[in-house]
Amino acid sequence: MKKSELYGSTGSLIFSLLVLLILLLVVMPGTKMPEEEGIMVSFGEALDGGGSMPEVVSQAKPVETSPPPATTTRPVKEDLMTQDDNSLAIAEQQKREREAREAAERERREQARIEAEKKRKEQEAIDNANALMGNMGSNTGATGSGSTTGSSTQGNPLGSGTSGGNSWSLTGRSLSGRLVQPSYNTNEEGRVTVRIQVDTNGKVTSASVTTPTTTSSNDLKNAAIAAAKATRFTAGDRIAVGTITYNFRLR
C-alpha cells in the first residue's frame, strides 16, 4: 500500500471515530427516548436470527386500595330497651300525677257539695222558723192581741222581732234584753245580714255575713258581726241557728 493511501485511510478512520464519539457523548443523551413500561413477551423468534422485535405488552400497575375504616357498632338493642324503659317510666309518672289531680278535684267537689248542703239545710231551718213565727203572728193578730208597751222590742216575743230599726230571727229563742247596736264611723249605708249560731246558754258562738247583704263595705260588715256576737238570747235545750239583719243609714 502506498503511503498516501495509508494516510487517507488513517485520517478517514480517525474522523469517523470523532464523529461517533460526538454522537455518543453529545447528541444521543439529549434525544434519549422514554422507555415504555411493560413486560417483554417473546413469541419464539430468535433475537439473533434477524426476526422481528418482541412485542411489548403494557401492563397497568395495580391500584392500591386502602381498607375501609372500621365502624363501631352501637348496641342498638340496648338503646331501644333503654328508650322503652324511659318511655314507660314517664308514662307511669304522668298517670300518677293525673290520678292525683283527679282525686284532689273529686275531694274539692265533695267538700263544696257538703258545704252547700249544710248552708241549704241551715237556710231551710231559718225559713221554716220564720214561716212558723209568721203564722203565729197572724193568728195572734186575728184574736186581737195588743201591743207591748215599755219595751223597745216589737213583734213576736219568741223566735223573731225588731229592735232599734234592726231585726232578728232565731227559732225557739227570744232576746235577752235588746239587740246590741253596731258601732261604726264610716258614712255609708246598706243592709248586712249576719248568720248566728247560739249555744244552750243563749251566747252567740259564731257569726258570719250572709245573704241578703246590700253593701260591700268591710267596715259595716265587721261592725255587724261584732254587734251580733255581743247580743244575748234566752237559754234553750239545743243549739239554735238564726240571723240578725242590720240596717245602716247615712249619718
C-alpha atoms as a PDB file:
ATOM      1  CA  MET A   1       0.000   0.000   0.000  1.00  0.00           C
ATOM      2  CA  LYS A   2       1.182   3.411  -0.841  1.00  0.00           C
ATOM      3  CA  LYS A   3       1.996   5.912   1.846  1.00  0.00           C
ATOM      4  CA  SER A   4      -0.634   8.375   0.588  1.00  0.00           C
ATOM      5  CA  GLU A   5      -3.354   5.747   0.685  1.00  0.00           C
ATOM      6  CA  LEU A   6      -2.300   4.759   4.195  1.00  0.00           C
ATOM      7  CA  TYR A   7      -2.538   8.373   5.359  1.00  0.00           C
ATOM      8  CA  GLY A   8      -6.025   8.736   3.755  1.00  0.00           C
ATOM      9  CA  SER A   9      -7.347   5.560   5.377  1.00  0.00           C
ATOM     10  CA  THR A  10      -5.962   6.571   8.757  1.00  0.00           C
ATOM     11  CA  GLY A  11      -7.476  10.092   8.518  1.00  0.00           C
ATOM     12  CA  SER A  12     -10.841   8.715   7.467  1.00  0.00           C
ATOM     13  CA  LEU A  13     -10.821   6.271  10.420  1.00  0.00           C
ATOM     14  CA  ILE A  14      -9.905   8.981  12.896  1.00  0.00           C
ATOM     15  CA  PHE A  15     -12.593  11.342  11.539  1.00  0.00           C
ATOM     16  CA  SER A  16     -15.206   8.559  11.750  1.00  0.00           C
ATOM     17  CA  LEU A  17     -14.230   7.851  15.356  1.00  0.00           C
ATOM     18  CA  LEU A  18     -14.514  11.534  16.277  1.00  0.00           C
ATOM     19  CA  VAL A  19     -17.959  11.775  14.684  1.00  0.00           C
ATOM     20  CA  LEU A  20     -19.068   8.628  16.542  1.00  0.00           C
ATOM     21  CA  LEU A  21     -17.783   9.952  19.834  1.00  0.00           C
ATOM     22  CA  ILE A  22     -19.620  13.266  19.340  1.00  0.00           C
ATOM     23  CA  LEU A  23     -22.831  11.398  18.584  1.00  0.00           C
ATOM     24  CA  LEU A  24     -22.463   9.154  21.633  1.00  0.00           C
ATOM     25  CA  LEU A  25     -21.439  11.866  24.089  1.00  0.00           C
ATOM     26  CA  VAL A  26     -23.456  14.880  22.937  1.00  0.00           C
ATOM     27  CA  VAL A  27     -26.346  14.041  20.645  1.00  0.00           C
ATOM     28  CA  MET A  28     -27.579  10.677  21.913  1.00  0.00           C
ATOM     29  CA  PRO A  29     -28.007  11.603  25.613  1.00  0.00           C
ATOM     30  CA  GLY A  30     -30.229  14.579  24.691  1.00  0.00           C
ATOM     31  CA  THR A  31     -32.532  12.577  22.465  1.00  0.00           C
ATOM     32  CA  LYS A  32     -32.965   9.544  24.672  1.00  0.00           C
ATOM     33  CA  MET A  33     -36.487   8.136  24.201  1.00  0.00           C
ATOM     34  CA  PRO A  34     -38.508   7.246  27.327  1.00  0.00           C
ATOM     35  CA  GLU A  35     -38.647   3.607  27.950  1.00  0.00           C
ATOM     36  CA  GLU A  36     -42.073   2.060  27.745  1.00  0.00           C
ATOM     37  CA  GLU A  37     -43.182   0.218  30.817  1.00  0.00           C
ATOM     38  CA  GLY A  38     -44.349  -3.255  30.295  1.00  0.00           C
ATOM     39  CA  ILE A  39     -43.303  -6.846  30.020  1.00  0.00           C
ATOM     40  CA  MET A  40     -41.463  -8.154  27.018  1.00  0.00           C
ATOM     41  CA  VAL A  41     -43.107 -11.254  25.615  1.00  0.00           C
ATOM     42  CA  SER A  42     -41.123 -13.401  23.216  1.00  0.00           C
ATOM     43  CA  PHE A  43     -43.089 -15.273  20.575  1.00  0.00           C
ATOM     44  CA  GLY A  44     -40.287 -17.746  19.837  1.00  0.00           C
ATOM     45  CA  GLU A  45     -38.212 -15.825  17.278  1.00  0.00           C
ATOM     46  CA  ALA A  46     -34.513 -15.765  17.971  1.00  0.00           C
ATOM     47  CA  LEU A  47     -33.101 -12.389  18.767  1.00  0.00           C
ATOM     48  CA  ASP A  48     -30.030 -13.035  16.636  1.00  0.00           C
ATOM     49  CA  GLY A  49     -31.886 -14.694  13.778  1.00  0.00           C
ATOM     50  CA  GLY A  50     -32.899 -11.479  12.136  1.00  0.00           C
ATOM     51  CA  GLY A  51     -36.527 -11.875  13.178  1.00  0.00           C
ATOM     52  CA  SER A  52     -38.915  -9.173  14.324  1.00  0.00           C
ATOM     53  CA  MET A  53     -38.533  -7.450  17.704  1.00  0.00           C
ATOM     54  CA  PRO A  54     -40.598  -8.907  20.561  1.00  0.00           C
ATOM     55  CA  GLU A  55     -43.841  -7.090  21.193  1.00  0.00           C
ATOM     56  CA  VAL A  56     -44.090  -5.059  24.364  1.00  0.00           C
ATOM     57  CA  VAL A  57     -47.312  -5.653  26.202  1.00  0.00           C
ATOM     58  CA  SER A  58     -48.066  -2.840  28.628  1.00  0.00           C
ATOM     59  CA  GLN A  59     -49.448  -3.868  31.936  1.00  0.00           C
ATOM     60  CA  ALA A  60     -51.137  -1.359  34.175  1.00  0.00           C
ATOM     61  CA  LYS A  61     -49.918  -1.177  37.732  1.00  0.00           C
ATOM     62  CA  PRO A  62     -52.426  -2.480  40.248  1.00  0.00           C
ATOM     63  CA  VAL A  63     -54.183   0.311  42.173  1.00  0.00           C
ATOM     64  CA  GLU A  64     -53.621   0.051  45.866  1.00  0.00           C
ATOM     65  CA  THR A  65     -56.853   0.453  47.795  1.00  0.00           C
ATOM     66  CA  SER A  66     -56.951   1.251  51.484  1.00  0.00           C
ATOM     67  CA  PRO A  67     -59.196  -0.886  53.667  1.00  0.00           C
ATOM     68  CA  PRO A  68     -62.474   0.776  54.731  1.00  0.00           C
ATOM     69  CA  PRO A  69     -62.391   2.426  58.144  1.00  0.00           C
ATOM     70  CA  ALA A  70     -63.583   0.261  60.934  1.00  0.00           C
ATOM     71  CA  THR A  71     -67.059   1.218  62.083  1.00  0.00           C
ATOM     72  CA  THR A  72     -68.091   0.985  65.687  1.00  0.00           C
ATOM     73  CA  THR A  73     -71.382  -0.798  66.005  1.00  0.00           C
ATOM     74  CA  ARG A  74     -73.709   0.628  68.635  1.00  0.00           C
ATOM     75  CA  PRO A  75     -75.680  -1.682  70.843  1.00  0.00           C
ATOM     76  CA  VAL A  76     -78.971  -0.917  69.091  1.00  0.00           C
ATOM     77  CA  LYS A  77     -80.894  -3.412  71.125  1.00  0.00           C
ATOM     78  CA  GLU A  78     -79.721  -1.947  74.429  1.00  0.00           C
ATOM     79  CA  ASP A  79     -80.528   1.589  73.252  1.00  0.00           C
ATOM     80  CA  LEU A  80     -84.049   0.529  72.269  1.00  0.00           C
ATOM     81  CA  MET A  81     -84.560  -1.180  75.626  1.00  0.00           C
ATOM     82  CA  THR A  82     -83.354   1.937  77.479  1.00  0.00           C
ATOM     83  CA  GLN A  83     -85.678   4.179  75.448  1.00  0.00           C
ATOM     84  CA  ASP A  84     -88.610   1.863  76.135  1.00  0.00           C
ATOM     85  CA  ASP A  85     -87.859   1.873  79.872  1.00  0.00           C
ATOM     86  CA  ASN A  86     -87.680   5.692  79.929  1.00  0.00           C
ATOM     87  CA  SER A  87     -90.953   5.972  77.997  1.00  0.00           C
ATOM     88  CA  LEU A  88     -92.686   3.591  80.393  1.00  0.00           C
ATOM     89  CA  ALA A  89     -91.376   5.487  83.423  1.00  0.00           C
ATOM     90  CA  ILE A  90     -92.559   8.835  82.022  1.00  0.00           C
ATOM     91  CA  ALA A  91     -95.969   7.405  81.156  1.00  0.00           C
ATOM     92  CA  GLU A  92     -96.309   5.919  84.642  1.00  0.00           C
ATOM     93  CA  GLN A  93     -95.344   9.235  86.279  1.00  0.00           C
ATOM     94  CA  GLN A  94     -97.862  11.132  84.153  1.00  0.00           C
ATOM     95  CA  LYS A  95    -100.542   8.600  85.060  1.00  0.00           C
ATOM     96  CA  ARG A  96     -99.862   9.023  88.795  1.00  0.00           C
ATOM     97  CA  GLU A  97     -99.948  12.821  88.506  1.00  0.00           C
ATOM     98  CA  ARG A  98    -103.217  12.684  86.568  1.00  0.00           C
ATOM     99  CA  GLU A  99    -104.786  10.374  89.157  1.00  0.00           C
ATOM    100  CA  ALA A 100    -103.618  12.671  91.980  1.00  0.00           C
ATOM    101  CA  ARG A 101    -105.159  15.702  90.255  1.00  0.00           C
ATOM    102  CA  GLU A 102    -108.410  13.851  89.681  1.00  0.00           C
ATOM    103  CA  ALA A 103    -108.536  12.714  93.322  1.00  0.00           C
ATOM    104  CA  ALA A 104    -107.898  16.283  94.543  1.00  0.00           C
ATOM    105  CA  GLU A 105    -110.620  17.607  92.227  1.00  0.00           C
ATOM    106  CA  ARG A 106    -113.098  14.982  93.465  1.00  0.00           C
ATOM    107  CA  GLU A 107    -112.310  15.853  97.074  1.00  0.00           C
ATOM    108  CA  ARG A 108    -112.743  19.571  96.381  1.00  0.00           C
ATOM    109  CA  ARG A 109    -116.104  18.990  94.728  1.00  0.00           C
ATOM    110  CA  GLU A 110    -117.224  16.788  97.613  1.00  0.00           C
ATOM    111  CA  GLN A 111    -116.265  19.442 100.171  1.00  0.00           C
ATOM    112  CA  ALA A 112    -118.091  22.094  98.165  1.00  0.00           C
ATOM    113  CA  ARG A 113    -121.158  19.866  97.955  1.00  0.00           C
ATOM    114  CA  ILE A 114    -121.112  19.191 101.702  1.00  0.00           C
ATOM    115  CA  GLU A 115    -120.727  22.887 102.476  1.00  0.00           C
ATOM    116  CA  ALA A 116    -123.534  23.844 100.105  1.00  0.00           C
ATOM    117  CA  GLU A 117    -125.799  21.177 101.594  1.00  0.00           C
ATOM    118  CA  LYS A 118    -125.022  22.421 105.095  1.00  0.00           C
ATOM    119  CA  LYS A 119    -125.874  26.012 104.194  1.00  0.00           C
ATOM    120  CA  ARG A 120    -129.012  24.889 102.420  1.00  0.00           C
ATOM    121  CA  LYS A 121    -130.251  22.993 105.476  1.00  0.00           C
ATOM    122  CA  GLU A 122    -129.478  25.916 107.775  1.00  0.00           C
ATOM    123  CA  GLN A 123    -131.278  28.339 105.498  1.00  0.00           C
ATOM    124  CA  GLU A 124    -134.172  25.940 105.237  1.00  0.00           C
ATOM    125  CA  ALA A 125    -134.397  25.770 109.028  1.00  0.00           C
ATOM    126  CA  ILE A 126    -134.355  29.557 109.223  1.00  0.00           C
ATOM    127  CA  ASP A 127    -137.046  29.850 106.552  1.00  0.00           C
ATOM    128  CA  ASN A 128    -139.208  27.281 108.320  1.00  0.00           C
ATOM    129  CA  ALA A 129    -138.804  29.105 111.604  1.00  0.00           C
ATOM    130  CA  ASN A 130    -139.697  32.416 110.003  1.00  0.00           C
ATOM    131  CA  ALA A 131    -142.737  30.873 108.374  1.00  0.00           C
ATOM    132  CA  LEU A 132    -143.821  29.339 111.668  1.00  0.00           C
ATOM    133  CA  MET A 133    -143.390  32.608 113.521  1.00  0.00           C
ATOM    134  CA  GLY A 134    -145.263  34.434 110.788  1.00  0.00           C
ATOM    135  CA  ASN A 135    -148.196  32.091 111.137  1.00  0.00           C
ATOM    136  CA  MET A 136    -148.175  32.514 114.866  1.00  0.00           C
ATOM    137  CA  GLY A 137    -148.148  36.314 114.494  1.00  0.00           C
ATOM    138  CA  SER A 138    -151.030  36.297 112.054  1.00  0.00           C
ATOM    139  CA  ASN A 139    -153.101  34.073 114.316  1.00  0.00           C
ATOM    140  CA  THR A 140    -152.395  36.361 117.255  1.00  0.00           C
ATOM    141  CA  GLY A 141    -153.498  39.354 115.213  1.00  0.00           C
ATOM    142  CA  ALA A 142    -156.719  37.584 114.338  1.00  0.00           C
ATOM    143  CA  THR A 143    -157.563  37.149 118.010  1.00  0.00           C
ATOM    144  CA  GLY A 144    -156.943  40.838 118.674  1.00  0.00           C
ATOM    145  CA  SER A 145    -153.686  40.695 120.617  1.00  0.00           C
ATOM    146  CA  GLY A 146    -152.498  44.085 121.848  1.00  0.00           C
ATOM    147  CA  SER A 147    -149.104  45.777 121.618  1.00  0.00           C
ATOM    148  CA  THR A 148    -146.483  45.622 124.325  1.00  0.00           C
ATOM    149  CA  THR A 149    -145.518  48.934 125.958  1.00  0.00           C
ATOM    150  CA  GLY A 150    -142.470  49.836 127.966  1.00  0.00           C
ATOM    151  CA  SER A 151    -140.061  47.805 125.756  1.00  0.00           C
ATOM    152  CA  SER A 152    -138.247  48.605 122.565  1.00  0.00           C
ATOM    153  CA  THR A 153    -138.657  45.035 121.315  1.00  0.00           C
ATOM    154  CA  GLN A 154    -141.647  44.704 118.999  1.00  0.00           C
ATOM    155  CA  GLY A 155    -143.143  41.726 117.234  1.00  0.00           C
ATOM    156  CA  ASN A 156    -143.316  38.102 118.318  1.00  0.00           C
ATOM    157  CA  PRO A 157    -141.544  37.722 121.683  1.00  0.00           C
ATOM    158  CA  LEU A 158    -140.426  34.171 120.754  1.00  0.00           C
ATOM    159  CA  GLY A 159    -138.493  33.405 117.549  1.00  0.00           C
ATOM    160  CA  SER A 160    -138.189  36.827 115.829  1.00  0.00           C
ATOM    161  CA  GLY A 161    -138.552  40.537 116.361  1.00  0.00           C
ATOM    162  CA  THR A 162    -137.208  44.036 115.727  1.00  0.00           C
ATOM    163  CA  SER A 163    -135.102  46.346 117.828  1.00  0.00           C
ATOM    164  CA  GLY A 164    -133.684  49.787 117.032  1.00  0.00           C
ATOM    165  CA  GLY A 165    -134.509  49.516 113.343  1.00  0.00           C
ATOM    166  CA  ASN A 166    -132.835  46.096 113.072  1.00  0.00           C
ATOM    167  CA  SER A 167    -134.440  42.629 113.050  1.00  0.00           C
ATOM    168  CA  TRP A 168    -133.569  39.148 114.250  1.00  0.00           C
ATOM    169  CA  SER A 169    -134.825  35.594 113.768  1.00  0.00           C
ATOM    170  CA  LEU A 170    -133.890  32.638 115.996  1.00  0.00           C
ATOM    171  CA  THR A 171    -136.029  29.514 116.274  1.00  0.00           C
ATOM    172  CA  GLY A 172    -137.274  28.790 119.816  1.00  0.00           C
ATOM    173  CA  ARG A 173    -135.464  31.716 121.429  1.00  0.00           C
ATOM    174  CA  SER A 174    -136.130  35.300 122.325  1.00  0.00           C
ATOM    175  CA  LEU A 175    -133.894  38.270 123.043  1.00  0.00           C
ATOM    176  CA  SER A 176    -132.353  38.644 126.473  1.00  0.00           C
ATOM    177  CA  GLY A 177    -132.534  42.416 126.663  1.00  0.00           C
ATOM    178  CA  ARG A 178    -132.041  44.382 123.440  1.00  0.00           C
ATOM    179  CA  LEU A 179    -130.112  43.945 120.194  1.00  0.00           C
ATOM    180  CA  VAL A 180    -126.632  45.411 120.504  1.00  0.00           C
ATOM    181  CA  GLN A 181    -126.336  48.275 118.029  1.00  0.00           C
ATOM    182  CA  PRO A 182    -123.326  48.271 115.643  1.00  0.00           C
ATOM    183  CA  SER A 183    -120.607  50.835 116.309  1.00  0.00           C
ATOM    184  CA  TYR A 184    -119.165  52.350 113.133  1.00  0.00           C
ATOM    185  CA  ASN A 185    -117.648  55.654 111.990  1.00  0.00           C
ATOM    186  CA  THR A 186    -117.987  55.381 108.230  1.00  0.00           C
ATOM    187  CA  ASN A 187    -120.576  57.490 106.411  1.00  0.00           C
ATOM    188  CA  GLU A 188    -122.092  54.616 104.426  1.00  0.00           C
ATOM    189  CA  GLU A 189    -125.402  52.849 104.284  1.00  0.00           C
ATOM    190  CA  GLY A 190    -126.692  49.422 103.406  1.00  0.00           C
ATOM    191  CA  ARG A 191    -128.112  46.206 104.809  1.00  0.00           C
ATOM    192  CA  VAL A 192    -125.957  43.481 106.371  1.00  0.00           C
ATOM    193  CA  THR A 193    -127.386  40.079 107.293  1.00  0.00           C
ATOM    194  CA  VAL A 194    -125.399  38.096 109.833  1.00  0.00           C
ATOM    195  CA  ARG A 195    -125.862  34.364 110.301  1.00  0.00           C
ATOM    196  CA  ILE A 196    -125.581  33.449 114.005  1.00  0.00           C
ATOM    197  CA  GLN A 197    -125.250  30.242 115.990  1.00  0.00           C
ATOM    198  CA  VAL A 198    -126.377  30.324 119.634  1.00  0.00           C
ATOM    199  CA  ASP A 199    -125.488  27.758 122.312  1.00  0.00           C
ATOM    200  CA  THR A 200    -127.806  26.441 125.033  1.00  0.00           C
ATOM    201  CA  ASN A 201    -126.927  29.328 127.342  1.00  0.00           C
ATOM    202  CA  GLY A 202    -128.022  31.959 124.800  1.00  0.00           C
ATOM    203  CA  LYS A 203    -124.493  33.083 123.820  1.00  0.00           C
ATOM    204  CA  VAL A 204    -123.660  33.738 120.167  1.00  0.00           C
ATOM    205  CA  THR A 205    -120.775  31.360 119.399  1.00  0.00           C
ATOM    206  CA  SER A 206    -120.292  32.194 115.703  1.00  0.00           C
ATOM    207  CA  ALA A 207    -121.319  34.984 113.328  1.00  0.00           C
ATOM    208  CA  SER A 208    -120.720  35.466 109.597  1.00  0.00           C
ATOM    209  CA  VAL A 209    -122.116  37.678 106.852  1.00  0.00           C
ATOM    210  CA  THR A 210    -124.719  36.001 104.635  1.00  0.00           C
ATOM    211  CA  THR A 211    -127.414  36.975 102.164  1.00  0.00           C
ATOM    212  CA  PRO A 212    -129.246  39.242 101.708  1.00  0.00           C
ATOM    213  CA  THR A 213    -126.482  41.866 102.115  1.00  0.00           C
ATOM    214  CA  THR A 214    -126.565  45.030 100.022  1.00  0.00           C
ATOM    215  CA  THR A 215    -123.191  46.607 100.862  1.00  0.00           C
ATOM    216  CA  SER A 216    -119.595  45.701 100.095  1.00  0.00           C
ATOM    217  CA  SER A 217    -118.163  47.829 102.906  1.00  0.00           C
ATOM    218  CA  ASN A 218    -115.951  45.761 105.185  1.00  0.00           C
ATOM    219  CA  ASP A 219    -116.376  48.360 107.946  1.00  0.00           C
ATOM    220  CA  LEU A 220    -120.132  47.846 108.019  1.00  0.00           C
ATOM    221  CA  LYS A 221    -119.763  44.056 107.827  1.00  0.00           C
ATOM    222  CA  ASN A 222    -117.256  43.941 110.690  1.00  0.00           C
ATOM    223  CA  ALA A 223    -119.434  46.240 112.799  1.00  0.00           C
ATOM    224  CA  ALA A 224    -122.445  43.984 112.207  1.00  0.00           C
ATOM    225  CA  ILE A 225    -120.510  40.836 113.165  1.00  0.00           C
ATOM    226  CA  ALA A 226    -119.184  42.451 116.359  1.00  0.00           C
ATOM    227  CA  ALA A 227    -122.688  43.593 117.377  1.00  0.00           C
ATOM    228  CA  ALA A 228    -124.159  40.152 116.690  1.00  0.00           C
ATOM    229  CA  LYS A 229    -121.535  38.412 118.865  1.00  0.00           C
ATOM    230  CA  ALA A 230    -122.317  40.814 121.732  1.00  0.00           C
ATOM    231  CA  THR A 231    -126.075  40.111 121.610  1.00  0.00           C
ATOM    232  CA  ARG A 232    -127.571  37.629 124.110  1.00  0.00           C
ATOM    233  CA  PHE A 233    -130.615  35.378 123.784  1.00  0.00           C
ATOM    234  CA  THR A 234    -132.592  33.216 126.172  1.00  0.00           C
ATOM    235  CA  ALA A 235    -131.384  29.696 127.029  1.00  0.00           C
ATOM    236  CA  GLY A 236    -132.623  26.618 125.209  1.00  0.00           C
ATOM    237  CA  ASP A 237    -132.362  22.840 125.052  1.00  0.00           C
ATOM    238  CA  ARG A 238    -130.228  22.755 121.896  1.00  0.00           C
ATOM    239  CA  ILE A 239    -128.049  24.884 119.659  1.00  0.00           C
ATOM    240  CA  ALA A 240    -130.097  27.356 117.601  1.00  0.00           C
ATOM    241  CA  VAL A 241    -129.265  28.926 114.244  1.00  0.00           C
ATOM    242  CA  GLY A 242    -130.721  32.214 113.056  1.00  0.00           C
ATOM    243  CA  THR A 243    -129.987  35.646 111.576  1.00  0.00           C
ATOM    244  CA  ILE A 244    -129.712  39.276 112.589  1.00  0.00           C
ATOM    245  CA  THR A 245    -130.259  41.979 109.938  1.00  0.00           C
ATOM    246  CA  TYR A 246    -128.711  45.401 110.478  1.00  0.00           C
ATOM    247  CA  ASN A 247    -129.869  48.448 108.501  1.00  0.00           C
ATOM    248  CA  PHE A 248    -127.101  51.056 108.266  1.00  0.00           C
ATOM    249  CA  ARG A 249    -128.129  54.617 107.391  1.00  0.00           C
ATOM    250  CA  LEU A 250    -126.132  57.729 106.499  1.00  0.00           C
ATOM    251  CA  ARG A 251    -125.311  59.891 109.461  1.00  0.00           C
END
